[in-house]
Protein backbone atom coordinates (compact mmCIF):
# COMPACT_ATOMS: atom_id res chain seq x y z
CA MET A 1 -0.35 0.19 0.00
CA PRO A 2 1.14 3.53 -0.69
CA ARG A 3 2.15 5.14 1.91
CA ILE A 4 0.94 9.01 2.76
CA LEU A 5 2.87 11.55 2.83
CA PRO A 6 1.27 14.67 4.45
CA ASN A 7 0.77 18.29 3.15
CA PHE A 8 0.48 21.14 5.89
CA LEU A 9 -2.98 21.98 7.32
CA HIS A 10 -3.22 25.51 8.77
CA LEU A 11 -7.15 25.08 10.99
CA VAL A 12 -8.29 22.16 12.23
CA GLY A 13 -11.72 21.94 14.54
CA VAL A 14 -12.02 18.89 16.87
CA VAL A 15 -14.98 18.15 18.90
CA PHE A 16 -16.18 15.72 21.75
CA CYS A 17 -19.33 13.58 20.70
CA GLY A 18 -21.03 10.77 22.82
CA ARG A 19 -20.48 9.97 26.56
CA GLN A 20 -17.27 11.10 27.91
CA SER A 21 -14.15 8.44 27.93
CA PRO A 22 -11.02 8.27 30.01
CA GLY A 23 -8.34 9.42 27.36
CA GLY A 24 -10.30 11.83 24.90
CA HIS A 25 -8.18 14.39 26.08
CA ASN A 26 -4.96 12.63 24.98
CA VAL A 27 -6.74 12.52 21.06
CA ILE A 28 -6.52 16.00 21.35
CA CYS A 29 -2.80 15.93 22.58
CA GLY A 30 -1.72 13.90 19.89
CA LEU A 31 -3.69 15.99 17.34
CA HIS A 32 -1.95 19.29 18.44
CA ASP A 33 1.53 17.73 18.81
CA ALA A 34 1.33 16.26 15.07
CA MET A 35 0.30 19.86 14.11
CA LYS A 36 2.55 21.63 16.10
CA SER A 37 5.61 19.34 14.57
CA HIS A 38 4.69 19.91 11.04
CA ASN A 39 3.67 23.37 11.15
CA PRO A 40 4.23 25.27 14.08
CA LYS A 41 2.21 28.38 12.79
CA SER A 42 -0.85 25.89 12.54
CA THR A 43 -4.37 26.39 14.41
CA LEU A 44 -6.47 23.85 16.76
CA LEU A 45 -9.89 25.01 17.49
CA GLY A 46 -11.87 22.81 19.70
CA PHE A 47 -15.78 23.43 19.98
CA CYS A 48 -17.25 23.98 23.79
CA GLY A 49 -20.27 22.25 24.37
CA GLY A 50 -19.86 19.69 21.91
CA THR A 51 -21.97 19.06 18.88
CA GLU A 52 -24.00 22.20 20.22
CA GLY A 53 -20.85 24.60 20.31
CA LEU A 54 -19.93 23.32 16.11
CA PHE A 55 -23.50 24.48 15.47
CA LYS A 56 -23.16 27.77 17.35
CA GLN A 57 -19.60 28.26 16.29
CA LYS A 58 -18.31 28.19 19.76
CA THR A 59 -14.70 27.62 19.87
CA LEU A 60 -11.31 27.47 22.00
CA GLU A 61 -7.95 27.65 21.20
CA ILE A 62 -6.18 24.77 21.95
CA THR A 63 -2.37 26.05 22.87
CA GLU A 64 0.47 24.20 24.57
CA ASP A 65 -1.35 25.66 27.79
CA VAL A 66 -4.44 24.34 27.50
CA VAL A 67 -3.00 20.92 26.58
CA SER A 68 -0.46 20.57 29.39
CA LYS A 69 -3.25 20.96 31.96
CA TYR A 70 -5.33 18.24 30.17
CA ARG A 71 -2.69 15.74 28.85
CA ASN A 72 -3.24 12.12 30.24
CA GLN A 73 -6.27 13.73 32.52
CA GLY A 74 -9.94 12.20 32.36
CA GLY A 75 -12.86 13.71 31.60
CA TYR A 76 -13.93 16.07 28.63
CA ASP A 77 -13.98 18.95 30.52
CA MET A 78 -11.18 20.99 28.34
CA LEU A 79 -14.45 21.38 26.04
CA GLY A 80 -17.89 19.58 27.70
CA ARG A 81 -19.90 17.98 25.44
CA THR A 82 -23.79 17.95 25.21
CA MET A 83 -25.57 17.12 22.41
CA ASP A 84 -24.77 13.68 21.36
CA GLN A 85 -26.01 13.76 17.17
CA ILE A 86 -25.79 15.03 13.87
CA ARG A 87 -28.66 13.72 12.33
CA THR A 88 -31.09 16.25 11.29
CA THR A 89 -30.76 18.55 7.76
CA GLU A 90 -30.81 21.33 10.44
CA GLN A 91 -27.75 19.67 12.17
CA VAL A 92 -25.67 19.17 9.18
CA ASN A 93 -26.07 22.13 7.71
CA ALA A 94 -25.31 24.10 10.64
CA GLY A 95 -22.13 22.05 10.70
CA LEU A 96 -21.22 22.76 6.97
CA THR A 97 -21.94 26.40 7.54
CA THR A 98 -19.37 26.19 10.92
CA CYS A 99 -16.97 24.73 8.65
CA GLN A 100 -17.24 27.10 6.02
CA THR A 101 -17.39 30.18 8.02
CA LEU A 102 -13.97 29.44 9.63
CA LYS A 103 -12.47 27.69 6.68
CA LEU A 104 -11.57 24.57 8.54
CA ASP A 105 -8.98 22.28 6.76
CA GLY A 106 -10.63 19.51 8.66
CA LEU A 107 -12.59 18.21 11.49
CA VAL A 108 -12.26 15.37 14.05
CA ILE A 109 -15.07 13.94 15.77
CA ILE A 110 -14.27 11.93 18.94
CA GLY A 111 -17.09 9.10 19.90
CA GLY A 112 -18.31 5.78 19.27
CA VAL A 113 -20.64 4.32 17.03
CA THR A 114 -23.55 6.91 16.60
CA SER A 115 -20.85 9.63 16.30
CA ASN A 116 -18.93 7.95 14.02
CA THR A 117 -22.16 7.36 11.92
CA ASP A 118 -23.18 10.95 11.68
CA ALA A 119 -19.24 11.81 10.99
CA ALA A 120 -19.77 9.49 7.81
CA GLN A 121 -22.86 11.39 7.06
CA LEU A 122 -21.26 14.71 7.59
CA ALA A 123 -18.64 13.72 5.44
CA GLU A 124 -20.50 12.79 2.53
CA THR A 125 -22.31 16.17 2.76
CA PHE A 126 -19.16 17.82 2.75
CA ALA A 127 -17.98 16.29 0.09
CA GLU A 128 -21.53 16.99 -2.22
CA ALA A 129 -21.39 20.34 -1.53
CA LYS A 130 -17.77 20.66 -2.14
CA CYS A 131 -16.58 22.47 1.21
CA SER A 132 -12.76 22.07 1.69
CA THR A 133 -13.22 20.76 4.66
CA LYS A 134 -12.53 16.85 5.16
CA VAL A 135 -13.89 14.88 8.06
CA VAL A 136 -12.09 12.16 10.31
CA GLY A 137 -13.58 9.78 13.20
CA VAL A 138 -11.62 8.47 16.34
CA PRO A 139 -13.07 5.59 17.87
CA VAL A 140 -13.78 6.59 21.89
CA THR A 141 -15.94 4.67 23.72
CA PHE A 142 -15.91 2.83 26.86
CA TYR A 143 -18.63 0.40 25.75
CA GLY A 144 -16.09 -1.44 23.50
CA ASP A 145 -18.81 -2.18 21.11
CA LEU A 146 -17.03 -0.35 17.65
CA LYS A 147 -14.67 -2.49 16.55
CA ASN A 148 -14.29 -4.47 13.23
CA GLN A 149 -11.51 -5.64 11.30
CA PHE A 150 -9.81 -2.51 11.05
CA VAL A 151 -10.65 -1.37 14.94
CA GLU A 152 -9.47 -3.36 17.31
CA ALA A 153 -10.29 -1.33 20.52
CA ASN A 154 -11.97 1.55 21.58
CA VAL A 155 -10.67 4.48 23.78
CA GLY A 156 -11.47 4.36 27.38
CA PHE A 157 -12.68 0.59 27.53
CA ASP A 158 -9.27 -0.33 28.91
CA THR A 159 -9.71 2.31 32.11
CA ILE A 160 -13.29 1.44 32.34
CA CYS A 161 -12.83 -1.86 33.25
CA LYS A 162 -9.78 -2.01 35.09
CA VAL A 163 -11.53 0.82 37.57
CA ASN A 164 -14.27 -1.29 37.57
CA SER A 165 -12.98 -4.35 38.19
CA GLN A 166 -11.18 -3.45 41.25
CA LEU A 167 -14.11 -1.69 42.40
CA ILE A 168 -16.06 -5.36 41.78
CA SER A 169 -13.22 -7.03 43.18
CA ASN A 170 -13.42 -5.00 46.49
CA ILE A 171 -17.29 -6.00 46.86
CA CYS A 172 -16.46 -9.73 46.26
CA ILE A 173 -14.05 -9.71 49.11
CA ASP A 174 -16.70 -7.87 51.07
CA ALA A 175 -19.20 -10.96 50.26
CA LEU A 176 -16.22 -12.96 51.28
CA SER A 177 -15.90 -11.21 54.78
CA ALA A 178 -19.84 -10.87 55.74
CA GLU A 179 -20.71 -14.07 54.27
CA LYS A 180 -24.63 -13.04 54.01
CA TYR A 181 -25.56 -10.66 51.22
CA TYR A 182 -25.32 -11.46 47.47
CA TYR A 183 -24.58 -8.67 45.23
CA PHE A 184 -26.01 -7.62 42.31
CA ILE A 185 -24.05 -5.32 40.28
CA ARG A 186 -24.64 -3.58 37.00
CA LEU A 187 -22.34 -2.13 34.26
CA MET A 188 -22.30 0.27 31.92
CA GLY A 189 -22.05 -0.55 28.43
CA ARG A 190 -25.22 -0.03 26.35
CA ARG A 191 -27.14 -3.06 24.41
CA ALA A 192 -23.26 -5.30 24.02
CA SER A 193 -21.48 -7.01 27.20
CA HIS A 194 -18.53 -6.14 26.51
CA VAL A 195 -17.55 -4.12 29.93
CA ALA A 196 -19.63 -7.35 31.77
CA LEU A 197 -17.56 -9.72 30.04
CA GLU A 198 -13.95 -7.80 30.29
CA CYS A 199 -14.58 -7.10 34.22
CA ALA A 200 -15.41 -11.07 34.98
CA LEU A 201 -12.69 -12.24 33.40
CA GLN A 202 -10.33 -9.89 35.58
CA SER A 203 -12.36 -10.27 39.17
CA HIS A 204 -14.00 -13.70 38.60
CA PRO A 205 -17.51 -12.83 40.11
CA ASN A 206 -19.76 -16.16 41.07
CA MET A 207 -21.90 -15.11 38.09
CA VAL A 208 -22.05 -13.01 35.26
CA ILE A 209 -25.35 -13.00 32.52
CA LEU A 210 -24.37 -11.40 29.15
CA SER A 211 -27.49 -9.97 27.33
CA GLU A 212 -26.25 -12.35 23.89
CA GLU A 213 -26.60 -14.92 25.89
CA VAL A 214 -30.11 -14.23 26.74
CA ALA A 215 -30.98 -13.06 23.51
CA ALA A 216 -29.46 -16.23 21.69
CA SER A 217 -31.26 -18.42 24.01
CA LYS A 218 -33.80 -16.64 24.10
CA LEU A 219 -34.08 -16.52 27.82
CA THR A 220 -37.15 -15.42 29.66
CA LEU A 221 -37.19 -13.28 32.66
CA TYR A 222 -38.21 -16.10 34.80
CA ASP A 223 -35.64 -18.03 33.11
CA ILE A 224 -33.15 -15.79 34.47
CA THR A 225 -34.73 -15.44 37.77
CA LYS A 226 -34.56 -19.17 38.22
CA GLN A 227 -30.68 -19.88 36.28
CA ILE A 228 -30.01 -17.47 39.88
CA CYS A 229 -32.00 -18.78 42.48
CA ASP A 230 -30.62 -22.53 41.13
CA ALA A 231 -27.18 -20.73 41.93
CA VAL A 232 -27.99 -19.54 45.05
CA GLN A 233 -29.73 -22.98 46.65
CA ALA A 234 -26.08 -24.64 45.66
CA ARG A 235 -24.36 -22.51 47.01
CA ALA A 236 -26.18 -22.58 49.95
CA GLU A 237 -25.84 -26.10 50.17
CA LEU A 238 -22.29 -26.06 50.60
CA GLY A 239 -22.86 -23.42 53.05
CA LYS A 240 -22.46 -20.40 51.45
CA TYR A 241 -24.54 -17.51 51.67
CA HIS A 242 -23.05 -14.84 49.73
CA GLY A 243 -21.95 -14.24 45.96
CA VAL A 244 -21.33 -11.68 43.55
CA ILE A 245 -23.64 -10.86 40.03
CA LEU A 246 -22.70 -8.74 37.56
CA LEU A 247 -25.35 -7.68 35.05
CA PRO A 248 -24.84 -5.95 31.88
CA GLU A 249 -27.12 -2.39 31.77
CA GLY A 250 -28.38 -3.54 28.10
CA LEU A 251 -29.91 -7.67 29.70
CA ILE A 252 -33.35 -5.67 30.21
CA GLU A 253 -33.72 -5.15 26.40
CA SER A 254 -31.97 -8.26 25.52
CA ILE A 255 -35.04 -10.83 27.34
CA PRO A 256 -37.68 -11.32 24.29
CA GLU A 257 -40.87 -10.40 26.51
CA VAL A 258 -39.39 -7.01 28.11
CA TYR A 259 -37.97 -6.23 24.56
CA ALA A 260 -41.84 -6.46 22.85
CA LEU A 261 -42.92 -4.70 25.48
CA LEU A 262 -40.49 -1.95 25.39
CA GLN A 263 -41.13 -1.55 22.02
CA GLU A 264 -45.03 -1.05 22.06
CA ILE A 265 -44.22 1.13 24.79
CA HIS A 266 -41.85 3.51 22.51
CA VAL A 267 -44.35 3.46 19.36
CA LEU A 268 -47.41 4.53 21.69
CA LEU A 269 -44.88 7.35 23.20
CA LYS A 270 -43.57 8.43 19.67
CA ASN A 271 -47.39 7.90 18.59
CA GLY A 272 -48.25 11.22 21.41
CA VAL A 273 -49.84 9.22 23.86
CA SER A 274 -49.13 10.56 27.05
CA VAL A 275 -46.98 8.69 30.24
CA ASP A 276 -50.34 8.14 32.14
CA ASN A 277 -52.02 6.48 29.39
CA VAL A 278 -49.86 4.01 27.70
CA SER A 279 -50.50 1.13 29.85
CA LYS A 280 -54.19 1.57 29.13
CA GLN A 281 -53.47 0.95 25.61
CA LEU A 282 -50.95 -1.76 25.27
CA SER A 283 -51.98 -5.39 23.97
CA PRO A 284 -53.61 -7.74 26.39
CA TRP A 285 -50.44 -9.37 26.96
CA ALA A 286 -47.81 -6.62 26.94
CA SER A 287 -50.53 -5.06 29.75
CA ALA A 288 -50.17 -8.13 31.65
CA LEU A 289 -46.38 -8.33 31.63
CA TYR A 290 -46.47 -4.65 32.65
CA GLU A 291 -48.74 -4.91 35.26
CA SER A 292 -46.47 -7.87 36.61
CA MET A 293 -43.48 -5.37 37.33
CA PRO A 294 -42.84 -3.61 40.85
CA PRO A 295 -44.14 0.16 40.40
CA PHE A 296 -40.34 1.23 40.08
CA ILE A 297 -39.65 -0.58 37.06
CA LYS A 298 -42.76 0.56 35.70
CA LYS A 299 -42.06 4.16 35.97
CA GLN A 300 -38.72 3.25 34.22
CA LEU A 301 -39.80 1.34 31.42
CA LEU A 302 -41.81 4.55 30.31
CA LEU A 303 -39.16 6.55 29.84
CA SER A 304 -38.79 8.12 26.31
CA PRO A 305 -36.41 6.26 23.89
CA GLU A 306 -33.07 7.60 23.49
CA SER A 307 -32.14 9.19 20.06
CA ASP A 308 -31.32 5.79 18.84
CA GLU A 309 -34.65 4.52 19.38
CA SER A 310 -33.41 2.40 22.73
CA ALA A 311 -34.31 2.39 26.04
CA GLN A 312 -32.62 4.19 28.48
CA LEU A 313 -30.90 1.80 29.71
CA SER A 314 -29.12 3.29 32.69
CA GLN A 315 -32.20 4.34 34.06
CA ILE A 316 -33.50 1.03 34.19
CA GLU A 317 -32.81 -0.80 37.56
CA THR A 318 -32.84 -4.34 36.17
CA GLU A 319 -30.18 -5.44 39.14
CA LYS A 320 -33.06 -4.18 41.63
CA LEU A 321 -35.66 -6.13 39.73
CA LEU A 322 -34.08 -9.59 39.63
CA ALA A 323 -33.01 -9.19 43.18
CA GLN A 324 -36.86 -8.94 44.55
CA LEU A 325 -37.57 -11.55 41.68
CA VAL A 326 -35.13 -13.84 43.05
CA GLU A 327 -35.88 -13.06 47.07
CA SER A 328 -39.30 -13.70 45.78
CA GLU A 329 -39.01 -17.02 44.48
CA MET A 330 -36.40 -18.26 47.47
CA GLU A 331 -39.56 -17.50 49.84
CA THR A 332 -41.76 -19.62 47.58
CA ARG A 333 -39.07 -22.22 47.47
CA THR A 334 -39.01 -21.90 51.75
CA LYS A 335 -42.05 -22.48 52.31
CA ASN A 336 -42.44 -25.09 49.83
CA GLY A 337 -39.72 -26.70 51.74
CA THR A 338 -37.25 -27.10 48.36
CA TYR A 339 -34.77 -25.09 50.49
CA LYS A 340 -33.82 -25.34 53.76
CA GLY A 341 -31.74 -22.55 53.63
CA LYS A 342 -31.02 -19.02 55.47
CA LYS A 343 -32.85 -16.26 54.14
CA PHE A 344 -31.85 -14.72 50.94
CA ASN A 345 -30.13 -10.89 51.31
CA SER A 346 -29.16 -8.66 48.54
CA ILE A 347 -27.04 -5.71 47.96
CA CYS A 348 -27.58 -4.01 44.48
CA HIS A 349 -24.83 -1.68 43.37
CA PHE A 350 -25.19 0.32 39.37
CA PHE A 351 -21.19 1.23 38.02
CA GLY A 352 -22.37 3.58 35.60
CA TYR A 353 -20.79 6.99 37.01
CA GLN A 354 -17.61 5.96 39.16
CA ALA A 355 -15.00 4.73 36.39
CA ARG A 356 -15.67 7.74 33.57
CA GLY A 357 -14.01 10.36 35.09
CA SER A 358 -10.94 8.59 36.10
CA LEU A 359 -7.52 8.98 35.00
CA PRO A 360 -6.82 6.92 31.84
CA SER A 361 -4.81 4.01 32.07
CA LYS A 362 -0.91 3.70 30.68
CA PHE A 363 -2.41 1.71 27.47
CA ASP A 364 -5.27 4.66 27.08
CA CYS A 365 -3.05 7.39 27.13
CA ASP A 366 -0.55 6.08 24.49
CA TYR A 367 -3.35 4.64 22.43
CA ALA A 368 -5.42 8.43 22.28
CA HIS A 369 -2.31 9.99 21.57
CA ALA A 370 -1.58 7.78 18.77
CA LEU A 371 -5.46 8.35 17.10
CA GLY A 372 -4.47 11.76 17.65
CA HIS A 373 -1.72 11.49 15.56
CA ALA A 374 -3.38 9.55 12.92
CA SER A 375 -6.26 11.66 12.84
CA TYR A 376 -3.59 14.59 11.51
CA HIS A 377 -1.80 12.24 8.91
CA LEU A 378 -5.33 11.36 7.44
CA LEU A 379 -6.30 15.05 7.41
CA ALA A 380 -2.89 16.00 5.95
CA ALA A 381 -3.17 13.51 3.20
CA GLY A 382 -6.60 14.95 2.07
CA LEU A 383 -8.63 12.32 2.85
CA ASN A 384 -12.53 12.74 3.89
CA GLY A 385 -14.62 9.98 5.83
CA TYR A 386 -12.07 8.18 7.33
CA MET A 387 -11.66 6.84 10.53
CA ALA A 388 -7.90 6.47 12.56
CA THR A 389 -7.03 3.49 13.38
CA VAL A 390 -4.12 2.07 15.11
CA THR A 391 -3.51 -1.59 14.71
CA ASN A 392 -1.42 -4.62 16.51
CA LEU A 393 -2.28 -3.34 19.74
CA LYS A 394 -1.82 -6.43 21.85
CA ASN A 395 1.95 -6.06 21.36
CA ASP A 396 4.37 -2.83 22.60
CA VAL A 397 3.46 0.74 21.53
CA TYR A 398 6.48 0.49 19.14
CA LYS A 399 4.60 -2.77 16.93
CA TRP A 400 1.48 -0.48 16.87
CA ARG A 401 0.59 0.20 13.40
CA CYS A 402 -0.81 3.49 12.18
CA GLY A 403 -3.27 3.89 9.78
CA GLY A 404 -7.06 4.89 8.36
CA ALA A 405 -9.56 3.25 7.25
CA PRO A 406 -13.04 4.67 5.48
CA PHE A 407 -16.24 4.87 6.98
CA THR A 408 -17.94 2.58 4.55
CA ALA A 409 -15.66 -0.13 4.94
CA MET A 410 -17.33 -0.28 8.33
CA MET A 411 -20.86 0.69 7.46
CA THR A 412 -24.25 -1.76 7.01
CA VAL A 413 -28.05 -1.72 6.24
CA ARG A 414 -29.69 -3.37 8.77
CA ARG A 415 -33.91 -4.09 8.84
CA LEU A 416 -35.42 -2.07 11.83
CA LEU A 417 -38.42 -3.38 13.92
CA ARG A 418 -40.74 -0.24 15.34
CA GLY A 419 -43.26 -1.91 17.16
CA PRO A 420 -46.09 -4.96 16.09
CA GLY A 421 -45.91 -5.80 12.84
CA SER A 422 -43.62 -3.21 11.02
CA SER A 423 -40.16 -3.59 9.51
CA LEU A 424 -38.14 -0.75 8.25
CA ILE A 425 -34.54 -1.00 6.02
CA GLY A 426 -32.90 1.23 8.09
CA LYS A 427 -30.11 3.74 6.60
CA PRO A 428 -25.97 2.48 6.33
CA SER A 429 -24.80 3.02 9.91
CA ILE A 430 -21.88 1.83 12.00
CA HIS A 431 -23.62 -0.73 13.78
CA PRO A 432 -22.37 -1.92 17.83
CA VAL A 433 -21.08 -5.04 17.62
CA ALA A 434 -21.91 -7.39 20.44
CA VAL A 435 -20.19 -9.88 22.34
CA ASP A 436 -19.22 -13.24 20.29
CA LEU A 437 -20.24 -16.14 22.32
CA LYS A 438 -18.07 -18.09 19.43
CA GLY A 439 -15.22 -15.94 20.62
CA LYS A 440 -11.91 -16.56 22.99
CA PRO A 441 -12.61 -14.52 25.63
CA TYR A 442 -16.10 -16.11 26.04
CA GLU A 443 -14.70 -19.24 25.54
CA LEU A 444 -12.25 -18.40 28.78
CA LEU A 445 -15.45 -17.53 30.70
CA LEU A 446 -17.23 -20.59 29.89
CA ARG A 447 -14.02 -22.51 30.76
CA ASP A 448 -14.13 -21.23 34.34
CA ALA A 449 -17.45 -20.64 35.08
CA GLU A 450 -18.30 -23.69 37.24
CA LYS A 451 -15.28 -22.59 39.36
CA PHE A 452 -16.17 -18.95 39.79
CA LEU A 453 -20.00 -19.91 40.98
CA MET A 454 -19.33 -22.21 43.67
CA ASP A 455 -15.41 -21.94 44.61
CA ASP A 456 -15.13 -18.06 45.34
CA LEU A 457 -12.04 -17.89 42.99
CA TYR A 458 -12.24 -13.96 43.55
CA SER A 459 -9.20 -11.62 41.71
CA ASN A 460 -8.21 -8.03 42.77
CA PRO A 461 -6.29 -6.54 40.12
CA GLY A 462 -5.30 -3.43 42.35
CA PRO A 463 -5.19 -0.05 41.11
CA ILE A 464 -4.32 1.15 37.41
CA GLN A 465 -0.41 0.98 37.56
CA TYR A 466 1.89 3.83 35.35
CA ILE A 467 5.05 2.54 35.84
CA GLY A 468 6.69 -1.00 36.76
CA SER A 469 5.01 -4.24 37.13
CA GLY A 470 1.58 -4.07 35.40
CA SER A 471 1.52 -0.36 33.69
CA ASP A 472 1.50 -2.22 30.36
CA ASN A 473 -1.12 -4.52 31.00
CA LYS A 474 -3.90 -4.73 28.46
CA THR A 475 -7.43 -5.97 28.63
CA ILE A 476 -7.72 -9.87 28.84
CA CYS A 477 -10.08 -9.56 26.19
CA LEU A 478 -7.57 -7.48 23.76
CA SER A 479 -4.84 -10.18 24.66
CA VAL A 480 -6.45 -13.71 23.54
CA GLU A 481 -8.48 -12.32 20.37
CA ASP A 482 -6.72 -12.39 17.57
CA GLN A 483 -7.33 -9.31 15.54
CA ASP A 484 -4.22 -7.71 13.31
CA TYR A 485 -6.51 -8.22 10.37
CA MET A 486 -3.97 -5.60 8.54
CA GLY A 487 -0.97 -7.33 9.91
CA ARG A 488 -2.38 -11.04 7.91
CA VAL A 489 -3.55 -8.80 4.76
CA THR A 490 0.44 -7.52 4.88
CA GLU A 491 1.76 -10.74 5.31
CA LEU A 492 -0.47 -12.45 2.44
CA GLN A 493 0.48 -9.57 0.08
CA ALA A 494 4.01 -10.52 1.02
CA TYR A 495 3.47 -13.83 -0.04
CA LEU A 496 1.84 -13.17 -3.22
CA GLU A 497 4.87 -10.85 -3.85
CA LYS A 498 7.06 -13.85 -3.11
CA VAL A 499 5.09 -15.86 -5.87
CA ARG A 500 5.18 -13.18 -8.31
CA THR A 501 9.16 -12.74 -8.22
CA MET A 502 9.80 -17.06 -8.24
CA VAL A 503 6.54 -17.54 -11.21
CA LYS A 504 8.00 -15.51 -14.39
CA PRO A 505 9.05 -16.22 -17.76
CA GLY A 506 11.83 -18.65 -17.57
CA CYS A 507 10.22 -20.40 -14.33
CA SER A 508 10.68 -24.63 -15.18
CA GLN A 509 7.05 -26.30 -16.20
CA GLU A 510 6.13 -27.36 -13.14
CA VAL A 511 6.59 -24.97 -11.01
CA LEU A 512 4.54 -22.70 -13.59
CA LYS A 513 1.58 -25.81 -13.28
CA ALA A 514 2.02 -26.12 -9.38
CA ALA A 515 1.48 -22.45 -8.98
CA LEU A 516 -1.80 -22.31 -11.44
CA SER A 517 -3.37 -25.42 -9.77
CA SER A 518 -2.70 -23.59 -6.47
CA MET A 519 -4.21 -20.65 -7.39
CA ALA A 520 -7.08 -21.77 -9.22
CA SER A 521 -7.80 -23.77 -5.93
CA VAL A 522 -7.31 -20.71 -3.89
CA LEU A 523 -9.62 -18.81 -5.90
CA GLU A 524 -12.98 -21.15 -6.27
CA ILE A 525 -12.71 -21.65 -2.25
CA LEU A 526 -12.33 -17.44 -2.05
CA THR A 527 -14.94 -16.84 -4.41
CA LEU A 528 -17.51 -19.65 -2.15
CA MET A 529 -16.56 -17.35 1.19
CA SER A 530 -16.67 -14.13 -0.53
CA PRO A 531 -20.44 -12.53 -1.60
CA ALA A 532 -19.63 -9.79 -4.64
CA ALA A 533 -20.37 -7.46 -3.13
CA LYS A 534 -17.82 -7.84 0.05
CA SER A 535 -15.30 -9.26 -2.27
CA SER A 536 -12.91 -6.72 -1.62
CA ILE A 537 -12.78 -3.18 0.43
CA THR A 538 -10.27 -0.87 -0.77
CA GLY A 539 -9.30 2.76 0.75
CA HIS A 540 -7.06 1.85 3.82
CA VAL A 541 -4.33 3.83 4.14
CA LYS A 542 -1.25 3.45 6.57
CA TYR A 543 1.58 5.78 7.01
């Protein structure tokens, strides 16, 4: 692949989108450092207040003094954030007007799945309007769900998992010490369960229930309750009346009957039905399920959906719902004589905000800074509609590979359901990636699940380290996954080049026949494996 030689940039804008994620500041620091090293007279403008600031042209010049205060710091308080979307025609046009008015050479959008999908739309609009501003996205989200063959990890995920794992481990030790409470801990992560999976691998709680498991097995609320109760009863038979159970915040939406109920509620709300009247207009089965819920859950299910049509997962206390259901079932078993142990007691926690403002880990500091540099080089090369990438992340920093990939290589179109009987074709989007139930991290969890459940093999990783032993530790998921996609592409190209040098005019008939036979077989296999529409993805660059 040709290496990209950068041109000088004079004026670049940068904006935070989405939830604050540890390491976000270092993206800006890396971008600033790269700009100043190539052109000391260049200017970096930050938009204050997220996309609201972009629309209203509220800017802050990011100087060395500003960068020095926020380098390696958590949060997004350098610029702040408010609205998390650039979606409507008015919003897109406002962004276009800002970039044209300020005469920006480039705009860097820092965010997750939704923000980078919006960045792709913005890039296309700019190109159609012949706007000279180039748009580049950076994968920053602690949910860990922006993953594909080009993006191995997201800035913030490493930090969030390490901080939460220490908190979970502290609670595990507390549970083991008191020996009388079951802790239900809900973790942030939206629909995907990447945070819950990684924290389980690091801290070894007794149970973790992943949204993807529930969706794949079509488990009902009763099934999940029974699964937990059976575990509580099995532990009681060993004299253990304590435990720690992890739940992803997206669990509630993965339960089939609850998801269907939420869809009905959201359609009614969208059609202007007031909150007070929603329950009266539900279908009979949905109404029965709704009325069976505790009052606090009823109220939370009626909250208006997010901009992506999903429920406000952070506001739905799934951990309290399950704790109540388990307590009720254990009381029933006690009355029936099928459970003879001590009374079930629970304590609930939601780890949603405790880690978001944490100092970023060494990995997130380095990764974010490298992505900032990559963003500069993509813009300097005149590339529009690209995401900055760094691959080979499981290895030492000096082996990392910086580059970029077009948004279009990551986008797909999915059929969307919006209520009973409805089906819509969605627009091209970068979709969140769920936990792979056939992947190595999940296999690792399954291998030890029974031991974690019964033997209390709690592990405490301790606080984040910045020097010495443990400072270079990466997430277990990243360490065990085989994600070096571009590395393998490069390896393949090296093999093809060797074939080219060996098979040329003057080679023997035997060599030529062997090469033709082998290549024909390879082509036949690849044709069967690769649909025509996906047979080649072009546009990836490196520098």
